[in-house]
Amino acid sequence: MARKMRQYAKDVPFSLTSMMDMMTIILVFMIKNIDAEGQLVTQAENLILPVSTSKVQPKEVSLTVVVDANYVLVDNAKIITTEEVLAQQELLLTKVDSVLQERRKAEQEHALAAGLPADEAGNIVVQIDKNIPYDAMYKVMATCGFAGYTNIAFAVMMKNGGEE
């Protein structure tokens, strides 16, 4: 009895096994290099942030205060000029404080509606140009504290992209 032999295709354009191996390597490479956390805070356009080696990320960003060479901004709304801040002798910036007080009340109401303690609500991120004098930074930080924001974080650029 004669056995029938299978006939295989004579011209195979490519090997499917090699193609699968290549795609798996590319997929693993892409997954390894993707930054899962992403950028939590968008940097203001005309701002040069200080460099830091800290790797701690803020958990949640609810309010952003930006101090650049021209203005103090609260959530991208111009509140007061930086010149006025530097010229002022008082520690409390009243224009900034009134805006922060309104935002703080809204955040407390939102936290109470969600069943969370109102005192823990309200994280704030401060972006300050590294060329701004210490006096302006101190006044902005004190105003945030007077408004009830005790969890204040600074936005900085990671040194060497976060690598050591």
Protein backbone atom coordinates (compact mmCIF):
# COMPACT_ATOMS: atom_id res chain seq x y z
CA MET A 1 0.00 0.00 0.00
CA ALA A 2 1.40 3.33 -1.03
CA ARG A 3 1.45 6.23 1.40
CA LYS A 4 0.34 9.63 0.31
CA MET A 5 2.79 12.41 1.04
CA ARG A 6 1.58 15.88 1.92
CA GLN A 7 2.56 18.64 -0.35
CA TYR A 8 3.76 21.82 1.30
CA ALA A 9 3.66 25.22 -0.29
CA LYS A 10 6.77 25.78 -2.29
CA ASP A 11 7.20 29.53 -1.86
CA VAL A 12 6.44 30.86 1.64
CA PRO A 13 6.80 34.65 1.67
CA PHE A 14 7.68 34.90 5.39
CA SER A 15 7.76 32.85 8.54
CA LEU A 16 4.81 33.55 10.81
CA THR A 17 6.73 32.41 13.91
CA SER A 18 9.47 34.96 13.36
CA MET A 19 6.89 37.67 12.82
CA MET A 20 5.15 36.80 16.13
CA ASP A 21 8.49 36.86 17.97
CA MET A 22 9.28 40.28 16.55
CA MET A 23 5.87 41.71 17.51
CA THR A 24 6.19 40.31 21.06
CA ILE A 25 9.60 41.96 21.51
CA ILE A 26 8.28 45.30 20.24
CA LEU A 27 5.25 45.07 22.55
CA VAL A 28 7.40 44.31 25.61
CA PHE A 29 9.73 47.18 24.71
CA MET A 30 6.82 49.62 24.36
CA ILE A 31 5.21 48.57 27.66
CA LYS A 32 8.52 48.93 29.48
CA ASN A 33 9.09 52.45 28.18
CA ILE A 34 5.62 53.90 28.67
CA ASP A 35 5.29 56.34 31.55
CA ALA A 36 2.18 55.12 33.36
CA GLU A 37 1.80 58.14 35.62
CA GLY A 38 1.95 60.84 32.99
CA GLN A 39 2.20 64.52 33.71
CA LEU A 40 -0.11 65.66 36.51
CA VAL A 41 0.47 69.38 36.19
CA THR A 42 0.87 71.38 33.02
CA GLN A 43 3.73 73.82 33.26
CA ALA A 44 2.91 77.46 32.58
CA GLU A 45 4.30 78.79 29.30
CA ASN A 46 6.62 81.53 30.53
CA LEU A 47 7.87 79.70 33.61
CA ILE A 48 11.23 78.15 34.44
CA LEU A 49 10.70 75.69 37.29
CA PRO A 50 13.48 74.85 39.72
CA VAL A 51 15.23 71.48 39.38
CA SER A 52 14.81 68.83 42.07
CA THR A 53 15.85 65.25 42.73
CA SER A 54 12.60 64.44 44.55
CA LYS A 55 10.55 61.61 43.06
CA VAL A 56 7.39 62.16 45.11
CA GLN A 57 4.32 62.77 42.94
CA PRO A 58 1.25 64.66 44.20
CA LYS A 59 -1.76 62.39 44.57
CA GLU A 60 -4.39 64.75 43.25
CA VAL A 61 -4.26 68.25 41.87
CA SER A 62 -7.28 70.37 42.69
CA LEU A 63 -5.92 73.92 42.49
CA THR A 64 -2.89 75.46 40.82
CA VAL A 65 -1.25 78.78 41.73
CA VAL A 66 1.34 80.11 39.28
CA VAL A 67 3.77 82.94 40.07
CA ASP A 68 5.69 84.14 37.03
CA ALA A 69 7.57 87.34 36.22
CA ASN A 70 4.35 89.26 35.46
CA TYR A 71 1.36 87.85 37.35
CA VAL A 72 0.07 85.61 40.10
CA LEU A 73 -2.48 83.25 38.53
CA VAL A 74 -4.99 80.99 40.26
CA ASP A 75 -6.19 78.28 37.86
CA ASN A 76 -5.01 80.36 34.86
CA ALA A 77 -6.91 83.47 35.99
CA LYS A 78 -4.74 86.58 36.48
CA ILE A 79 -5.27 87.88 40.01
CA ILE A 80 -2.49 90.34 40.85
CA THR A 81 0.77 91.50 39.30
CA THR A 82 4.04 90.23 40.70
CA GLU A 83 5.25 93.82 41.09
CA GLU A 84 2.32 94.53 43.44
CA VAL A 85 3.18 91.43 45.45
CA LEU A 86 6.79 92.51 45.84
CA ALA A 87 5.85 96.11 46.70
CA GLN A 88 3.31 95.08 49.34
CA GLN A 89 4.58 95.02 52.94
CA GLU A 90 1.79 92.83 54.32
CA LEU A 91 2.08 89.05 54.28
CA LEU A 92 -1.54 88.44 53.21
CA LEU A 93 -2.36 89.06 49.55
CA THR A 94 -6.03 90.05 49.85
CA LYS A 95 -6.96 89.58 46.16
CA VAL A 96 -5.45 86.10 46.07
CA ASP A 97 -6.90 85.26 49.48
CA SER A 98 -10.47 86.09 48.42
CA VAL A 99 -10.21 83.79 45.37
CA LEU A 100 -8.63 80.99 47.43
CA GLN A 101 -11.32 81.32 50.14
CA GLU A 102 -14.06 80.86 47.50
CA ARG A 103 -12.31 77.80 46.05
CA ARG A 104 -11.73 76.37 49.54
CA LYS A 105 -15.43 76.66 50.43
CA ALA A 106 -16.42 74.93 47.18
CA GLU A 107 -13.92 72.12 47.80
CA GLN A 108 -15.15 71.66 51.39
CA GLU A 109 -18.77 71.42 50.22
CA HIS A 110 -17.77 68.92 47.55
CA ALA A 111 -15.87 66.82 50.13
CA LEU A 112 -18.80 66.85 52.55
CA ALA A 113 -21.16 65.77 49.77
CA ALA A 114 -18.81 62.88 48.98
CA GLY A 115 -18.71 61.87 52.65
CA LEU A 116 -15.08 62.89 53.23
CA PRO A 117 -13.76 65.10 56.04
CA ALA A 118 -13.84 68.75 54.97
CA ASP A 119 -10.51 69.56 56.60
CA GLU A 120 -8.59 67.13 54.41
CA ALA A 121 -10.01 68.53 51.16
CA GLY A 122 -7.96 70.97 49.16
CA ASN A 123 -4.60 70.13 47.73
CA ILE A 124 -2.80 73.00 46.07
CA VAL A 125 0.19 72.99 43.71
CA VAL A 126 2.32 76.13 43.50
CA GLN A 127 4.41 76.78 40.38
CA ILE A 128 6.96 79.52 40.95
CA ASP A 129 9.55 80.71 38.47
CA LYS A 130 13.01 80.03 39.85
CA ASN A 131 14.00 83.67 39.24
CA ILE A 132 11.20 85.09 41.45
CA PRO A 133 12.47 86.56 44.74
CA TYR A 134 11.92 84.62 47.97
CA ASP A 135 9.71 87.41 49.33
CA ALA A 136 7.03 86.83 46.67
CA MET A 137 7.11 83.07 47.22
CA TYR A 138 6.79 83.53 50.99
CA LYS A 139 3.77 85.84 50.62
CA VAL A 140 2.01 83.45 48.23
CA MET A 141 2.66 80.48 50.52
CA ALA A 142 1.43 82.41 53.57
CA THR A 143 -1.73 83.44 51.71
CA CYS A 144 -2.41 79.82 50.80
CA GLY A 145 -2.04 78.91 54.46
CA PHE A 146 -4.37 81.71 55.59
CA ALA A 147 -6.98 80.47 53.10
CA GLY A 148 -6.93 77.04 54.74
CA TYR A 149 -4.73 75.13 52.30
CA THR A 150 -2.32 73.15 54.45
CA ASN A 151 -1.36 70.53 51.86
CA ILE A 152 0.83 72.62 49.55
CA ALA A 153 3.16 71.11 46.94
CA PHE A 154 5.74 72.80 44.73
CA ALA A 155 5.97 71.97 41.05
CA VAL A 156 9.56 71.27 40.03
CA MET A 157 11.37 69.74 37.08
CA MET A 158 12.97 66.37 37.77
CA LYS A 159 16.72 66.41 37.52
CA ASN A 160 17.90 64.36 34.51
CA GLY A 161 14.36 63.20 33.81
CA GLY A 162 14.10 61.47 37.19
CA GLU A 163 17.12 59.22 36.64
CA GLU A 164 20.02 59.09 39.04
